[in-house]
Amino acid sequence: MRDFKTIASLVGDSVKKDDLKYVDCFMHDNIGLFIPSMGKCQYAQRDNHIHPSYMIVILFSAENIEADVKAKRNYYLATVTSPDIPHCDIADEKIKYYCLLINKHYFEEQYRMYMEHIPVFKAKQFNLCNDILKTLNTFAFEYSKNIPNANITLSAHTTIITHWIIRSVIGENLDMHSISADFSIARAQHYIEQHFQEELTVERMAELLHVSPSNFNRVFKKEVGLTPTKYLIEVRIEKSKTLLRRKDIPITEVASMCGFGSSAHFASSFKRLTEVTPSEYRGSFEC
């Protein structure tokens, strides 16, 4: 088994090679991807076991899992658990999953780029865009094939994967499905991202692209899956989350800064998309 020293640093010093005989392991300096392929991970079967690293479990089928969050379309349900938190892993062999272990110091160093306070995660559930599977499988391919200069690309993938997960945990979901391959629509998306605070209309955006409003609305929805108006509201809500986490800006001011005409519209839109109120969202980040 390659890189067992790194495996032990992430899983725990008491792990034995035989514990992972049914698990495919793909490693780099600060991250490990563990895929149960032929059976259960024997280490994971230990009652109330712990890891010295952050554990992220990505569930590909969550029908039999008690969920605290609503799974979004094109997303997987995932959980994150902090180091040294006793837990019991999934026992149902029908549930397929990937397990990521990320070095404690590396994860916290990256997390502090977004938030000063790092909470203790006890199997915290969150939505993770299912396009991350492509990145994880590329990571596994690079490692298993031992391609020249793989260390460079594995390091890059480690950074991308870690930030993708952190953003998802704090609610800044990276949704690759919403990025259009149509340049004109991608240009409109970029314009919305840059001017979300302004009073944007379908007519105004269509004019910028030199197309009719009806054609713009139709093509945008076909490419992105949302109308331009709904996409704009989602962008505004995502931007508002960053301001809400700061706690020093009144919610009414957050609404105005993010382009909402009223606090009531902001609150109803936020509740519809996140299932919590702006105040509840802000409160969830209190130390």
C-alpha atoms as a PDB file:
ATOM      1  CA  MET A   1       0.000   0.000   0.000  1.00  0.00           C
ATOM      2  CA  ARG A   2       1.497   3.321  -1.141  1.00  0.00           C
ATOM      3  CA  ASP A   3       1.967   6.267   1.205  1.00  0.00           C
ATOM      4  CA  PHE A   4       0.802   4.432   4.305  1.00  0.00           C
ATOM      5  CA  LYS A   5       2.532   6.989   6.526  1.00  0.00           C
ATOM      6  CA  THR A   6       0.350   9.728   5.037  1.00  0.00           C
ATOM      7  CA  ILE A   7      -2.708   7.490   5.362  1.00  0.00           C
ATOM      8  CA  ALA A   8      -2.001   6.960   9.069  1.00  0.00           C
ATOM      9  CA  SER A   9      -1.532  10.701   9.622  1.00  0.00           C
ATOM     10  CA  LEU A  10      -5.060  11.292   8.314  1.00  0.00           C
ATOM     11  CA  VAL A  11      -6.928   8.173   9.465  1.00  0.00           C
ATOM     12  CA  GLY A  12      -5.167   7.678  12.796  1.00  0.00           C
ATOM     13  CA  ASP A  13      -1.995   6.049  14.076  1.00  0.00           C
ATOM     14  CA  SER A  14      -3.829   2.876  15.077  1.00  0.00           C
ATOM     15  CA  VAL A  15      -4.959   2.086  11.532  1.00  0.00           C
ATOM     16  CA  LYS A  16      -3.590  -1.133  10.023  1.00  0.00           C
ATOM     17  CA  LYS A  17      -3.140  -1.917   6.365  1.00  0.00           C
ATOM     18  CA  ASP A  18      -5.616  -4.761   6.732  1.00  0.00           C
ATOM     19  CA  ASP A  19      -8.270  -2.245   7.871  1.00  0.00           C
ATOM     20  CA  LEU A  20      -8.241  -0.785   4.367  1.00  0.00           C
ATOM     21  CA  LYS A  21      -8.077  -3.991   2.335  1.00  0.00           C
ATOM     22  CA  TYR A  22     -11.468  -3.263   0.749  1.00  0.00           C
ATOM     23  CA  VAL A  23     -10.803   0.445   0.231  1.00  0.00           C
ATOM     24  CA  ASP A  24      -9.113   2.267  -2.650  1.00  0.00           C
ATOM     25  CA  CYS A  25      -6.858   4.999  -1.277  1.00  0.00           C
ATOM     26  CA  PHE A  26      -5.645   8.043  -3.205  1.00  0.00           C
ATOM     27  CA  MET A  27      -3.302  10.348  -1.329  1.00  0.00           C
ATOM     28  CA  HIS A  28      -1.431  13.621  -1.413  1.00  0.00           C
ATOM     29  CA  ASP A  29       0.367  15.549   1.319  1.00  0.00           C
ATOM     30  CA  ASN A  30      -2.735  17.087   2.951  1.00  0.00           C
ATOM     31  CA  ILE A  31      -5.628  15.069   1.627  1.00  0.00           C
ATOM     32  CA  GLY A  32      -6.797  11.500   1.226  1.00  0.00           C
ATOM     33  CA  LEU A  33      -9.639  10.149  -0.895  1.00  0.00           C
ATOM     34  CA  PHE A  34     -11.012   6.815   0.336  1.00  0.00           C
ATOM     35  CA  ILE A  35     -13.441   4.832  -1.812  1.00  0.00           C
ATOM     36  CA  PRO A  36     -14.924   1.582  -0.408  1.00  0.00           C
ATOM     37  CA  SER A  37     -14.902  -0.556  -3.545  1.00  0.00           C
ATOM     38  CA  MET A  38     -14.939  -4.215  -2.501  1.00  0.00           C
ATOM     39  CA  GLY A  39     -16.481  -4.015   0.947  1.00  0.00           C
ATOM     40  CA  LYS A  40     -16.607  -2.023   4.163  1.00  0.00           C
ATOM     41  CA  CYS A  41     -13.714  -0.053   5.604  1.00  0.00           C
ATOM     42  CA  GLN A  42     -12.773  -2.037   8.713  1.00  0.00           C
ATOM     43  CA  TYR A  43     -11.421   1.019  10.539  1.00  0.00           C
ATOM     44  CA  ALA A  44     -14.736   2.798   9.982  1.00  0.00           C
ATOM     45  CA  GLN A  45     -16.578  -0.074  11.689  1.00  0.00           C
ATOM     46  CA  ARG A  46     -14.973   0.730  15.033  1.00  0.00           C
ATOM     47  CA  ASP A  47     -17.486   2.212  17.460  1.00  0.00           C
ATOM     48  CA  ASN A  48     -16.944   5.892  18.215  1.00  0.00           C
ATOM     49  CA  HIS A  49     -13.661   6.057  16.356  1.00  0.00           C
ATOM     50  CA  ILE A  50     -11.934   9.367  15.646  1.00  0.00           C
ATOM     51  CA  HIS A  51      -9.633  10.892  13.041  1.00  0.00           C
ATOM     52  CA  PRO A  52      -6.934  13.544  13.555  1.00  0.00           C
ATOM     53  CA  SER A  53      -8.183  15.184  10.344  1.00  0.00           C
ATOM     54  CA  TYR A  54     -11.385  16.720   9.002  1.00  0.00           C
ATOM     55  CA  MET A  55     -13.670  14.076   7.526  1.00  0.00           C
ATOM     56  CA  ILE A  56     -15.994  14.829   4.615  1.00  0.00           C
ATOM     57  CA  VAL A  57     -18.387  12.102   3.480  1.00  0.00           C
ATOM     58  CA  ILE A  58     -20.084  12.544   0.103  1.00  0.00           C
ATOM     59  CA  LEU A  59     -23.240  10.446  -0.221  1.00  0.00           C
ATOM     60  CA  PHE A  60     -24.296   9.384  -3.697  1.00  0.00           C
ATOM     61  CA  SER A  61     -27.570   7.936  -2.446  1.00  0.00           C
ATOM     62  CA  ALA A  62     -29.158   9.482   0.614  1.00  0.00           C
ATOM     63  CA  GLU A  63     -32.671   8.015   0.543  1.00  0.00           C
ATOM     64  CA  ASN A  64     -32.156   6.168   3.833  1.00  0.00           C
ATOM     65  CA  ILE A  65     -30.240   8.980   5.522  1.00  0.00           C
ATOM     66  CA  GLU A  66     -31.959  11.274   8.012  1.00  0.00           C
ATOM     67  CA  ALA A  67     -31.309  14.675   6.427  1.00  0.00           C
ATOM     68  CA  ASP A  68     -31.270  18.044   8.193  1.00  0.00           C
ATOM     69  CA  VAL A  69     -30.892  19.926   4.906  1.00  0.00           C
ATOM     70  CA  LYS A  70     -32.895  19.668   1.707  1.00  0.00           C
ATOM     71  CA  ALA A  71     -30.918  18.112  -1.125  1.00  0.00           C
ATOM     72  CA  LYS A  72     -30.827  20.423  -4.133  1.00  0.00           C
ATOM     73  CA  ARG A  73     -31.045  19.351  -7.762  1.00  0.00           C
ATOM     74  CA  ASN A  74     -27.598  18.435  -9.130  1.00  0.00           C
ATOM     75  CA  TYR A  75     -26.168  18.278  -5.598  1.00  0.00           C
ATOM     76  CA  TYR A  76     -25.025  15.514  -3.278  1.00  0.00           C
ATOM     77  CA  LEU A  77     -25.723  15.451   0.435  1.00  0.00           C
ATOM     78  CA  ALA A  78     -22.409  15.627   2.301  1.00  0.00           C
ATOM     79  CA  THR A  79     -21.273  15.807   5.921  1.00  0.00           C
ATOM     80  CA  VAL A  80     -18.227  17.280   7.637  1.00  0.00           C
ATOM     81  CA  THR A  81     -16.837  16.164  11.004  1.00  0.00           C
ATOM     82  CA  SER A  82     -14.055  17.895  12.924  1.00  0.00           C
ATOM     83  CA  PRO A  83     -10.918  16.123  14.158  1.00  0.00           C
ATOM     84  CA  ASP A  84     -11.163  14.014  17.319  1.00  0.00           C
ATOM     85  CA  ILE A  85     -14.970  13.898  17.284  1.00  0.00           C
ATOM     86  CA  PRO A  86     -16.140  10.323  18.030  1.00  0.00           C
ATOM     87  CA  HIS A  87     -18.473   8.995  15.363  1.00  0.00           C
ATOM     88  CA  CYS A  88     -19.848   5.844  13.789  1.00  0.00           C
ATOM     89  CA  ASP A  89     -19.713   5.509  10.034  1.00  0.00           C
ATOM     90  CA  ILE A  90     -22.322   4.272   7.566  1.00  0.00           C
ATOM     91  CA  ALA A  91     -23.149   0.606   8.046  1.00  0.00           C
ATOM     92  CA  ASP A  92     -25.528   0.156   5.105  1.00  0.00           C
ATOM     93  CA  GLU A  93     -23.549  -1.343   2.225  1.00  0.00           C
ATOM     94  CA  LYS A  94     -26.194  -0.174  -0.245  1.00  0.00           C
ATOM     95  CA  ILE A  95     -25.233   3.466   0.389  1.00  0.00           C
ATOM     96  CA  LYS A  96     -22.358   4.436  -1.870  1.00  0.00           C
ATOM     97  CA  TYR A  97     -20.035   7.211  -0.762  1.00  0.00           C
ATOM     98  CA  TYR A  98     -16.603   8.783  -1.019  1.00  0.00           C
ATOM     99  CA  CYS A  99     -14.722   9.768   2.121  1.00  0.00           C
ATOM    100  CA  LEU A 100     -12.239  12.651   2.148  1.00  0.00           C
ATOM    101  CA  LEU A 101      -9.834  13.261   5.014  1.00  0.00           C
ATOM    102  CA  ILE A 102      -8.101  16.654   5.023  1.00  0.00           C
ATOM    103  CA  ASN A 103      -5.151  17.535   7.239  1.00  0.00           C
ATOM    104  CA  LYS A 104      -6.315  19.579  10.242  1.00  0.00           C
ATOM    105  CA  HIS A 105      -3.805  22.426   9.949  1.00  0.00           C
ATOM    106  CA  TYR A 106      -4.182  22.699   6.185  1.00  0.00           C
ATOM    107  CA  PHE A 107      -7.999  22.733   6.335  1.00  0.00           C
ATOM    108  CA  GLU A 108      -8.059  25.375   9.071  1.00  0.00           C
ATOM    109  CA  GLU A 109      -5.498  27.532   7.270  1.00  0.00           C
ATOM    110  CA  GLN A 110      -7.720  27.546   4.181  1.00  0.00           C
ATOM    111  CA  TYR A 111     -10.936  27.998   6.200  1.00  0.00           C
ATOM    112  CA  ARG A 112      -9.613  31.158   7.855  1.00  0.00           C
ATOM    113  CA  MET A 113      -9.440  32.755   4.422  1.00  0.00           C
ATOM    114  CA  TYR A 114     -13.252  32.862   4.642  1.00  0.00           C
ATOM    115  CA  MET A 115     -14.136  32.954   8.335  1.00  0.00           C
ATOM    116  CA  GLU A 116     -12.225  33.895  11.481  1.00  0.00           C
ATOM    117  CA  HIS A 117     -14.032  31.395  13.685  1.00  0.00           C
ATOM    118  CA  ILE A 118     -13.890  27.682  12.884  1.00  0.00           C
ATOM    119  CA  PRO A 119     -16.855  25.861  14.453  1.00  0.00           C
ATOM    120  CA  VAL A 120     -16.779  22.301  15.695  1.00  0.00           C
ATOM    121  CA  PHE A 121     -18.495  20.172  13.062  1.00  0.00           C
ATOM    122  CA  LYS A 122     -20.402  17.122  14.247  1.00  0.00           C
ATOM    123  CA  ALA A 123     -21.515  15.468  11.005  1.00  0.00           C
ATOM    124  CA  LYS A 124     -22.788  18.830   9.759  1.00  0.00           C
ATOM    125  CA  GLN A 125     -24.800  18.277   6.587  1.00  0.00           C
ATOM    126  CA  PHE A 126     -24.467  20.473   3.510  1.00  0.00           C
ATOM    127  CA  ASN A 127     -25.110  20.437  -0.229  1.00  0.00           C
ATOM    128  CA  LEU A 128     -22.180  19.767  -2.555  1.00  0.00           C
ATOM    129  CA  CYS A 129     -22.449  20.259  -6.325  1.00  0.00           C
ATOM    130  CA  ASN A 130     -22.140  16.830  -7.931  1.00  0.00           C
ATOM    131  CA  ASP A 131     -19.647  18.145 -10.483  1.00  0.00           C
ATOM    132  CA  ILE A 132     -17.024  17.736  -7.738  1.00  0.00           C
ATOM    133  CA  LEU A 133     -17.060  14.041  -8.668  1.00  0.00           C
ATOM    134  CA  LYS A 134     -15.154  14.902 -11.853  1.00  0.00           C
ATOM    135  CA  THR A 135     -12.426  16.617  -9.853  1.00  0.00           C
ATOM    136  CA  LEU A 136     -12.200  13.790  -7.323  1.00  0.00           C
ATOM    137  CA  ASN A 137     -11.981  11.160 -10.043  1.00  0.00           C
ATOM    138  CA  THR A 138      -9.287  13.170 -11.827  1.00  0.00           C
ATOM    139  CA  PHE A 139      -7.386  13.325  -8.526  1.00  0.00           C
ATOM    140  CA  ALA A 140      -7.682   9.538  -8.194  1.00  0.00           C
ATOM    141  CA  PHE A 141      -6.568   9.012 -11.802  1.00  0.00           C
ATOM    142  CA  GLU A 142      -3.515  11.239 -11.416  1.00  0.00           C
ATOM    143  CA  TYR A 143      -2.477   9.393  -8.274  1.00  0.00           C
ATOM    144  CA  SER A 144      -3.101   5.852  -9.498  1.00  0.00           C
ATOM    145  CA  LYS A 145      -1.409   6.306 -12.887  1.00  0.00           C
ATOM    146  CA  ASN A 146       1.643   8.001 -11.370  1.00  0.00           C
ATOM    147  CA  ILE A 147       1.800  10.416 -14.314  1.00  0.00           C
ATOM    148  CA  PRO A 148       4.956  12.596 -14.670  1.00  0.00           C
ATOM    149  CA  ASN A 149       4.666  15.770 -12.592  1.00  0.00           C
ATOM    150  CA  ALA A 150       1.553  14.381 -10.925  1.00  0.00           C
ATOM    151  CA  ASN A 151       2.699  15.944  -7.649  1.00  0.00           C
ATOM    152  CA  ILE A 152       2.095  19.387  -9.155  1.00  0.00           C
ATOM    153  CA  THR A 153      -1.411  18.627 -10.385  1.00  0.00           C
ATOM    154  CA  LEU A 154      -2.316  16.715  -7.207  1.00  0.00           C
ATOM    155  CA  SER A 155      -1.312  19.750  -5.172  1.00  0.00           C
ATOM    156  CA  ALA A 156      -3.515  21.951  -7.371  1.00  0.00           C
ATOM    157  CA  HIS A 157      -6.437  19.538  -7.017  1.00  0.00           C
ATOM    158  CA  THR A 158      -5.947  19.505  -3.235  1.00  0.00           C
ATOM    159  CA  THR A 159      -6.420  23.277  -3.134  1.00  0.00           C
ATOM    160  CA  ILE A 160      -9.440  23.215  -5.451  1.00  0.00           C
ATOM    161  CA  ILE A 161     -11.164  20.367  -3.586  1.00  0.00           C
ATOM    162  CA  THR A 162     -10.562  21.926  -0.163  1.00  0.00           C
ATOM    163  CA  HIS A 163     -11.867  25.348  -1.174  1.00  0.00           C
ATOM    164  CA  TRP A 164     -14.819  23.807  -3.002  1.00  0.00           C
ATOM    165  CA  ILE A 165     -15.798  21.990   0.200  1.00  0.00           C
ATOM    166  CA  ILE A 166     -15.245  24.980   2.483  1.00  0.00           C
ATOM    167  CA  ARG A 167     -17.335  27.236   0.262  1.00  0.00           C
ATOM    168  CA  SER A 168     -20.106  24.653   0.251  1.00  0.00           C
ATOM    169  CA  VAL A 169     -19.982  24.228   4.047  1.00  0.00           C
ATOM    170  CA  ILE A 170     -20.413  27.985   4.600  1.00  0.00           C
ATOM    171  CA  GLY A 171     -23.108  28.255   1.935  1.00  0.00           C
ATOM    172  CA  GLU A 172     -21.081  29.684  -0.951  1.00  0.00           C
ATOM    173  CA  ASN A 173     -21.877  26.766  -3.239  1.00  0.00           C
ATOM    174  CA  LEU A 174     -19.776  26.346  -6.331  1.00  0.00           C
ATOM    175  CA  ASP A 175     -22.352  25.303  -8.921  1.00  0.00           C
ATOM    176  CA  MET A 176     -20.594  24.328 -12.138  1.00  0.00           C
ATOM    177  CA  HIS A 177     -23.933  23.483 -13.763  1.00  0.00           C
ATOM    178  CA  SER A 178     -24.866  27.170 -13.846  1.00  0.00           C
ATOM    179  CA  ILE A 179     -21.867  28.137 -15.993  1.00  0.00           C
ATOM    180  CA  SER A 180     -23.040  28.342 -19.589  1.00  0.00           C
ATOM    181  CA  ALA A 181     -20.971  27.186 -22.554  1.00  0.00           C
ATOM    182  CA  ASP A 182     -22.764  29.819 -24.654  1.00  0.00           C
ATOM    183  CA  PHE A 183     -20.470  32.859 -24.635  1.00  0.00           C
ATOM    184  CA  SER A 184     -23.290  35.400 -24.854  1.00  0.00           C
ATOM    185  CA  ILE A 185     -25.111  33.832 -21.906  1.00  0.00           C
ATOM    186  CA  ALA A 186     -21.869  33.515 -19.935  1.00  0.00           C
ATOM    187  CA  ARG A 187     -21.313  37.212 -20.637  1.00  0.00           C
ATOM    188  CA  ALA A 188     -24.790  37.970 -19.248  1.00  0.00           C
ATOM    189  CA  GLN A 189     -24.033  35.898 -16.149  1.00  0.00           C
ATOM    190  CA  HIS A 190     -20.816  37.844 -15.615  1.00  0.00           C
ATOM    191  CA  TYR A 191     -22.701  41.122 -16.040  1.00  0.00           C
ATOM    192  CA  ILE A 192     -25.246  40.046 -13.423  1.00  0.00           C
ATOM    193  CA  GLU A 193     -22.447  39.070 -11.021  1.00  0.00           C
ATOM    194  CA  GLN A 194     -20.880  42.511 -11.430  1.00  0.00           C
ATOM    195  CA  HIS A 195     -24.081  44.610 -11.367  1.00  0.00           C
ATOM    196  CA  PHE A 196     -26.391  42.655  -9.056  1.00  0.00           C
ATOM    197  CA  GLN A 197     -26.829  45.734  -6.822  1.00  0.00           C
ATOM    198  CA  GLU A 198     -28.396  47.700  -9.667  1.00  0.00           C
ATOM    199  CA  GLU A 199     -31.962  47.643 -10.985  1.00  0.00           C
ATOM    200  CA  LEU A 200     -31.500  45.060 -13.723  1.00  0.00           C
ATOM    201  CA  THR A 201     -34.237  44.088 -16.152  1.00  0.00           C
ATOM    202  CA  VAL A 202     -34.469  41.421 -18.824  1.00  0.00           C
ATOM    203  CA  GLU A 203     -34.872  44.214 -21.365  1.00  0.00           C
ATOM    204  CA  ARG A 204     -31.651  45.898 -20.252  1.00  0.00           C
ATOM    205  CA  MET A 205     -29.623  42.665 -20.365  1.00  0.00           C
ATOM    206  CA  ALA A 206     -31.088  41.696 -23.746  1.00  0.00           C
ATOM    207  CA  GLU A 207     -30.128  45.110 -25.090  1.00  0.00           C
ATOM    208  CA  LEU A 208     -26.516  44.558 -24.025  1.00  0.00           C
ATOM    209  CA  LEU A 209     -26.448  41.326 -26.027  1.00  0.00           C
ATOM    210  CA  HIS A 210     -28.301  42.841 -28.997  1.00  0.00           C
ATOM    211  CA  VAL A 211     -31.116  40.277 -28.882  1.00  0.00           C
ATOM    212  CA  SER A 212     -34.821  40.501 -28.183  1.00  0.00           C
ATOM    213  CA  PRO A 213     -35.961  40.130 -24.553  1.00  0.00           C
ATOM    214  CA  SER A 214     -38.036  37.036 -25.393  1.00  0.00           C
ATOM    215  CA  ASN A 215     -35.134  35.333 -27.169  1.00  0.00           C
ATOM    216  CA  PHE A 216     -32.730  36.236 -24.370  1.00  0.00           C
ATOM    217  CA  ASN A 217     -35.110  34.897 -21.734  1.00  0.00           C
ATOM    218  CA  ARG A 218     -35.622  31.630 -23.659  1.00  0.00           C
ATOM    219  CA  VAL A 219     -31.937  30.960 -24.373  1.00  0.00           C
ATOM    220  CA  PHE A 220     -30.836  31.936 -20.854  1.00  0.00           C
ATOM    221  CA  LYS A 221     -33.300  29.533 -19.252  1.00  0.00           C
ATOM    222  CA  LYS A 222     -32.300  26.746 -21.649  1.00  0.00           C
ATOM    223  CA  GLU A 223     -28.583  27.185 -20.861  1.00  0.00           C
ATOM    224  CA  VAL A 224     -28.700  27.953 -17.140  1.00  0.00           C
ATOM    225  CA  GLY A 225     -31.912  26.263 -16.017  1.00  0.00           C
ATOM    226  CA  LEU A 226     -33.304  29.488 -14.565  1.00  0.00           C
ATOM    227  CA  THR A 227     -34.832  32.626 -15.984  1.00  0.00           C
ATOM    228  CA  PRO A 228     -32.554  35.716 -15.855  1.00  0.00           C
ATOM    229  CA  THR A 229     -34.731  37.183 -13.101  1.00  0.00           C
ATOM    230  CA  LYS A 230     -34.505  34.076 -10.909  1.00  0.00           C
ATOM    231  CA  TYR A 231     -30.776  33.824 -11.563  1.00  0.00           C
ATOM    232  CA  LEU A 232     -30.350  37.466 -10.489  1.00  0.00           C
ATOM    233  CA  ILE A 233     -32.224  36.805  -7.243  1.00  0.00           C
ATOM    234  CA  GLU A 234     -30.061  33.737  -6.511  1.00  0.00           C
ATOM    235  CA  VAL A 235     -26.903  35.800  -7.085  1.00  0.00           C
ATOM    236  CA  ARG A 236     -28.210  38.515  -4.743  1.00  0.00           C
ATOM    237  CA  ILE A 237     -29.000  35.948  -2.047  1.00  0.00           C
ATOM    238  CA  GLU A 238     -25.527  34.385  -2.323  1.00  0.00           C
ATOM    239  CA  LYS A 239     -23.932  37.845  -2.056  1.00  0.00           C
ATOM    240  CA  SER A 240     -26.087  38.673   0.966  1.00  0.00           C
ATOM    241  CA  LYS A 241     -24.788  35.641   2.867  1.00  0.00           C
ATOM    242  CA  THR A 242     -21.300  37.135   2.993  1.00  0.00           C
ATOM    243  CA  LEU A 243     -22.673  40.373   4.468  1.00  0.00           C
ATOM    244  CA  LEU A 244     -24.909  38.549   6.944  1.00  0.00           C
ATOM    245  CA  ARG A 245     -21.947  36.620   8.326  1.00  0.00           C
ATOM    246  CA  ARG A 246     -20.221  39.905   9.173  1.00  0.00           C
ATOM    247  CA  LYS A 247     -22.955  40.702  11.752  1.00  0.00           C
ATOM    248  CA  ASP A 248     -22.107  44.435  11.841  1.00  0.00           C
ATOM    249  CA  ILE A 249     -24.459  45.421   9.003  1.00  0.00           C
ATOM    250  CA  PRO A 250     -28.201  45.713   9.721  1.00  0.00           C
ATOM    251  CA  ILE A 251     -30.329  43.306   7.740  1.00  0.00           C
ATOM    252  CA  THR A 252     -32.259  46.177   6.141  1.00  0.00           C
ATOM    253  CA  GLU A 253     -28.971  47.564   4.860  1.00  0.00           C
ATOM    254  CA  VAL A 254     -27.915  44.123   3.587  1.00  0.00           C
ATOM    255  CA  ALA A 255     -31.139  43.994   1.579  1.00  0.00           C
ATOM    256  CA  SER A 256     -30.471  47.383   0.027  1.00  0.00           C
ATOM    257  CA  MET A 257     -26.807  46.648  -0.695  1.00  0.00           C
ATOM    258  CA  CYS A 258     -27.800  43.476  -2.561  1.00  0.00           C
ATOM    259  CA  GLY A 259     -30.323  45.189  -4.819  1.00  0.00           C
ATOM    260  CA  PHE A 260     -33.606  44.304  -3.089  1.00  0.00           C
ATOM    261  CA  GLY A 261     -36.243  47.019  -3.145  1.00  0.00           C
ATOM    262  CA  SER A 262     -37.533  46.132   0.307  1.00  0.00           C
ATOM    263  CA  SER A 263     -36.579  44.130   3.363  1.00  0.00           C
ATOM    264  CA  ALA A 264     -39.757  42.097   2.961  1.00  0.00           C
ATOM    265  CA  HIS A 265     -38.807  41.012  -0.566  1.00  0.00           C
ATOM    266  CA  PHE A 266     -35.316  40.154   0.643  1.00  0.00           C
ATOM    267  CA  ALA A 267     -36.616  38.117   3.587  1.00  0.00           C
ATOM    268  CA  SER A 268     -39.154  36.178   1.509  1.00  0.00           C
ATOM    269  CA  SER A 269     -36.612  35.445  -1.253  1.00  0.00           C
ATOM    270  CA  PHE A 270     -33.982  34.375   1.290  1.00  0.00           C
ATOM    271  CA  LYS A 271     -36.438  32.069   3.077  1.00  0.00           C
ATOM    272  CA  ARG A 272     -37.604  30.524  -0.192  1.00  0.00           C
ATOM    273  CA  LEU A 273     -34.085  29.703  -1.375  1.00  0.00           C
ATOM    274  CA  THR A 274     -32.420  28.755   1.923  1.00  0.00           C
ATOM    275  CA  GLU A 275     -35.389  27.621   4.078  1.00  0.00           C
ATOM    276  CA  VAL A 276     -34.221  29.926   6.899  1.00  0.00           C
ATOM    277  CA  THR A 277     -34.703  33.653   7.504  1.00  0.00           C
ATOM    278  CA  PRO A 278     -31.804  36.121   7.199  1.00  0.00           C
ATOM    279  CA  SER A 279     -31.777  36.440  10.995  1.00  0.00           C
ATOM    280  CA  GLU A 280     -31.646  32.670  11.473  1.00  0.00           C
ATOM    281  CA  TYR A 281     -28.836  32.387   8.941  1.00  0.00           C
ATOM    282  CA  ARG A 282     -26.856  35.103  10.723  1.00  0.00           C
ATOM    283  CA  GLY A 283     -27.485  33.455  14.088  1.00  0.00           C
ATOM    284  CA  SER A 284     -26.113  30.115  12.861  1.00  0.00           C
ATOM    285  CA  PHE A 285     -22.640  31.708  12.656  1.00  0.00           C
ATOM    286  CA  GLU A 286     -22.580  33.016  16.204  1.00  0.00           C
ATOM    287  CA  CYS A 287     -19.742  31.645  18.326  1.00  0.00           C
END
